[in-house]
Structure formats: structure tokens, C-alpha cells
Amino acid sequence: MKRFVWPLQRYLDVVRQREGALRAEVLAAARQVAAQKRAIRRRAEALAAMLNGISVRPAGQRLPDQQLVMRCFAAERRAMAALEAELSRLEAWRQELLARLRDIRARRETLEKLRQETFADYLRQASADEQKQHDETSRIAFVRNAALGPADCRSITA
């Protein structure tokens, strides 16, 4: 019986490699998104802490500090807007990668199913060929025994 060889095996291997690489890329993108979210959260917390620190000061000290904080507040808001724009760009990139990963995963699953079906056909054909060979061997043995006649046949009990 000849060995099973699937002609698309190399393509399936390449698709599996691409899926693994894409999965790693999606993970890296998710880490970048999480880091960006942490950076935004840290800036917002720092800004809130600054405002809370000013609110507990006496009125005489609060006014000059409030003016300074309000000037910084506008710059900080612009910086946070830039971080949020970068976050939405990263999220879009991650979503694109996820869509590509779903596509390549579906392609891999289709190829694996096709390979299984082809292997099942191969096994059925190999079984049919083997049965055909057994039938031919049995037929030849029967014809030989019939040609020799009943007197020359050896019995199992003798």
C-alpha cells in the first residue's frame, strides 16, 4: 500500500505558520492598546490629583496655583486627545488584525477538513484495494484446490 501524500500539505503548513505569526501580532497589538489605555488613565489620575490637591489649599494659595494648573490643563487635554487618537488608531489596527486572523483561521480549518476527507477517501480506497487483493488470492486458491480434485486436498483434521 502506498503512503498517503496530500498535495496541499505544504500550503496547509504555510497557512498554519501565518496563523501563528498573526496570532503573535494580534497579541502585540493588544498589549499596545492596553499600554495606551494605562497611559491615558495615569494622565487622567494625575490631573485629578492635581485638581484635588489645589482644592484643599487655603484661598490665598489656591488662586495662583489654580491659574497655573488651568494653563497646564489645556496642554494636558491636548496631550490626552492625542493619546486617545493613537488609542483609536491602535484599536482599529487590532480589529483589522483580528479580521485577518479570523480569515486565515477559517482557511486553515477548511484545509484541515479537506485533508481529513481526502485521507478518509484514501483509507476507503486502500481498504477496497486490499479486499480486492484478498478476493483474488482466495479465488486463485479455490481454483487450484478445485483443479487438484477432492482426493488430493488435504484436510485440516488429518
Protein backbone atom coordinates (compact mmCIF):
# COMPACT_ATOMS: atom_id res chain seq x y z
CA MET A 1 0.00 0.00 0.00
CA LYS A 2 1.42 3.35 -0.99
CA ARG A 3 1.88 6.10 1.59
CA PHE A 4 -0.69 8.88 1.89
CA VAL A 5 0.57 12.11 0.33
CA TRP A 6 -1.68 15.15 0.28
CA PRO A 7 -0.69 17.62 -2.45
CA LEU A 8 -1.78 20.68 -0.44
CA GLN A 9 0.19 19.81 2.71
CA ARG A 10 2.85 22.46 2.13
CA TYR A 11 0.16 25.10 1.64
CA LEU A 12 -1.52 24.00 4.88
CA ASP A 13 1.82 24.27 6.68
CA VAL A 14 2.31 27.81 5.34
CA VAL A 15 -1.22 28.79 6.43
CA ARG A 16 -0.53 27.39 9.92
CA GLN A 17 2.69 29.41 10.10
CA ARG A 18 0.92 32.57 9.01
CA GLU A 19 -1.80 31.98 11.57
CA GLY A 20 0.79 31.63 14.33
CA ALA A 21 2.58 34.81 13.24
CA LEU A 22 -0.69 36.70 13.01
CA ARG A 23 -1.75 35.46 16.44
CA ALA A 24 1.53 36.85 17.85
CA GLU A 25 0.92 40.14 16.05
CA VAL A 26 -2.61 40.37 17.50
CA LEU A 27 -1.20 39.75 20.96
CA ALA A 28 1.38 42.51 20.47
CA ALA A 29 -1.35 44.88 19.28
CA ALA A 30 -3.48 44.04 22.31
CA ARG A 31 -0.53 44.80 24.58
CA GLN A 32 0.00 48.16 22.86
CA VAL A 33 -3.69 49.00 23.27
CA ALA A 34 -3.54 48.09 26.97
CA ALA A 35 -0.38 50.21 27.45
CA GLN A 36 -2.04 53.16 25.74
CA LYS A 37 -5.12 52.82 27.95
CA ARG A 38 -2.87 52.73 31.03
CA ALA A 39 -1.05 55.89 29.88
CA ILE A 40 -4.36 57.72 29.40
CA ARG A 41 -5.63 56.55 32.78
CA ARG A 42 -2.37 57.64 34.50
CA ARG A 43 -2.57 61.12 32.98
CA ALA A 44 -6.23 61.49 33.94
CA GLU A 45 -5.49 60.35 37.50
CA ALA A 46 -2.54 62.77 37.76
CA LEU A 47 -4.72 65.62 36.54
CA ALA A 48 -7.47 64.74 39.01
CA ALA A 49 -4.93 64.51 41.84
CA MET A 50 -3.56 67.96 40.93
CA LEU A 51 -7.03 69.47 40.98
CA ASN A 52 -7.87 67.76 44.28
CA GLY A 53 -4.58 68.99 45.79
CA ILE A 54 -5.40 72.57 44.87
CA SER A 55 -8.93 72.41 46.25
CA VAL A 56 -7.71 71.64 49.80
CA ARG A 57 -5.32 74.64 49.94
CA PRO A 58 -6.26 77.92 51.57
CA ALA A 59 -7.82 80.54 49.30
CA GLY A 60 -4.71 82.74 49.24
CA GLN A 61 -2.50 79.97 47.86
CA ARG A 62 -5.18 78.40 45.72
CA LEU A 63 -5.63 81.26 43.23
CA PRO A 64 -2.08 81.41 41.77
CA ASP A 65 -1.87 77.62 41.70
CA GLN A 66 -5.25 77.39 40.02
CA GLN A 67 -4.13 79.72 37.24
CA LEU A 68 -1.01 77.62 36.67
CA VAL A 69 -2.99 74.39 36.69
CA MET A 70 -5.59 75.78 34.29
CA ARG A 71 -2.85 76.72 31.81
CA CYS A 72 -1.37 73.23 32.15
CA PHE A 73 -4.83 71.71 31.98
CA ALA A 74 -5.33 72.85 28.36
CA ALA A 75 -1.97 71.40 27.31
CA GLU A 76 -2.71 68.20 29.21
CA ARG A 77 -6.10 67.91 27.49
CA ARG A 78 -4.41 68.23 24.07
CA ALA A 79 -1.90 65.56 25.05
CA MET A 80 -4.71 63.27 26.22
CA ALA A 81 -6.62 63.89 22.98
CA ALA A 82 -3.50 62.85 21.05
CA LEU A 83 -3.20 59.72 23.22
CA GLU A 84 -6.87 58.90 22.62
CA ALA A 85 -6.43 59.37 18.86
CA GLU A 86 -3.47 56.99 18.99
CA LEU A 87 -5.57 54.58 21.03
CA SER A 88 -8.33 54.56 18.43
CA ARG A 89 -5.73 54.01 15.68
CA LEU A 90 -4.30 51.07 17.65
CA GLU A 91 -7.78 49.66 18.24
CA ALA A 92 -8.56 49.87 14.51
CA TRP A 93 -5.27 48.14 13.71
CA ARG A 94 -6.06 45.41 16.26
CA GLN A 95 -9.53 44.92 14.79
CA GLU A 96 -8.02 44.64 11.30
CA LEU A 97 -5.57 42.03 12.56
CA LEU A 98 -8.39 40.12 14.24
CA ALA A 99 -10.36 40.10 10.99
CA ARG A 100 -7.31 38.77 9.12
CA LEU A 101 -6.81 36.16 11.85
CA ARG A 102 -10.43 35.01 11.54
CA ASP A 103 -9.99 34.75 7.77
CA ILE A 104 -6.78 32.73 7.96
CA ARG A 105 -8.20 30.52 10.73
CA ALA A 106 -11.22 29.74 8.54
CA ARG A 107 -8.86 28.95 5.65
CA ARG A 108 -6.81 26.61 7.88
CA GLU A 109 -9.92 24.85 9.18
CA THR A 110 -11.20 24.38 5.62
CA LEU A 111 -7.87 22.93 4.52
CA GLU A 112 -7.73 20.60 7.52
CA LYS A 113 -11.26 19.39 6.81
CA LEU A 114 -10.35 18.83 3.16
CA ARG A 115 -7.26 16.90 4.24
CA GLN A 116 -9.33 14.70 6.58
CA GLU A 117 -11.83 13.99 3.81
CA THR A 118 -9.03 13.19 1.37
CA PHE A 119 -7.40 10.88 3.94
CA ALA A 120 -10.73 9.13 4.57
CA ASP A 121 -11.10 8.59 0.79
CA TYR A 122 -7.54 7.25 0.71
CA LEU A 123 -8.31 4.80 3.52
CA ARG A 124 -11.52 3.64 1.79
CA GLN A 125 -9.65 3.14 -1.48
CA ALA A 126 -6.79 1.31 0.28
CA SER A 127 -9.29 -0.93 2.04
CA ALA A 128 -11.08 -1.66 -1.24
CA ASP A 129 -7.75 -2.45 -2.94
CA GLU A 130 -6.76 -4.73 -0.08
CA GLN A 131 -10.11 -6.50 -0.18
CA LYS A 132 -9.76 -6.90 -3.94
CA GLN A 133 -6.31 -8.45 -3.42
CA HIS A 134 -7.68 -10.85 -0.78
CA ASP A 135 -10.55 -11.84 -3.07
CA GLU A 136 -8.13 -12.50 -5.92
CA THR A 137 -5.88 -14.61 -3.66
CA SER A 138 -8.88 -16.59 -2.41
CA ARG A 139 -10.14 -17.13 -5.94
CA ILE A 140 -6.75 -18.42 -7.08
CA ALA A 141 -6.54 -20.77 -4.08
CA PHE A 142 -10.06 -22.06 -4.74
CA VAL A 143 -9.30 -22.70 -8.41
CA ARG A 144 -6.10 -24.60 -7.50
CA ASN A 145 -7.92 -26.73 -4.94
CA ALA A 146 -10.73 -27.41 -7.40
CA ALA A 147 -8.24 -28.40 -10.13
CA LEU A 148 -6.43 -30.85 -7.87
CA GLY A 149 -9.66 -32.61 -7.04
CA PRO A 150 -11.15 -33.78 -3.72
CA ALA A 151 -8.79 -36.77 -3.28
CA ASP A 152 -5.65 -34.64 -3.34
CA CYS A 153 -7.00 -32.00 -0.99
CA ARG A 154 -5.54 -32.14 2.47
CA SER A 155 -7.91 -31.78 5.30
CA ILE A 156 -7.22 -29.74 8.38
CA THR A 157 -8.00 -32.65 10.71
CA ALA A 158 -5.65 -35.11 9.03
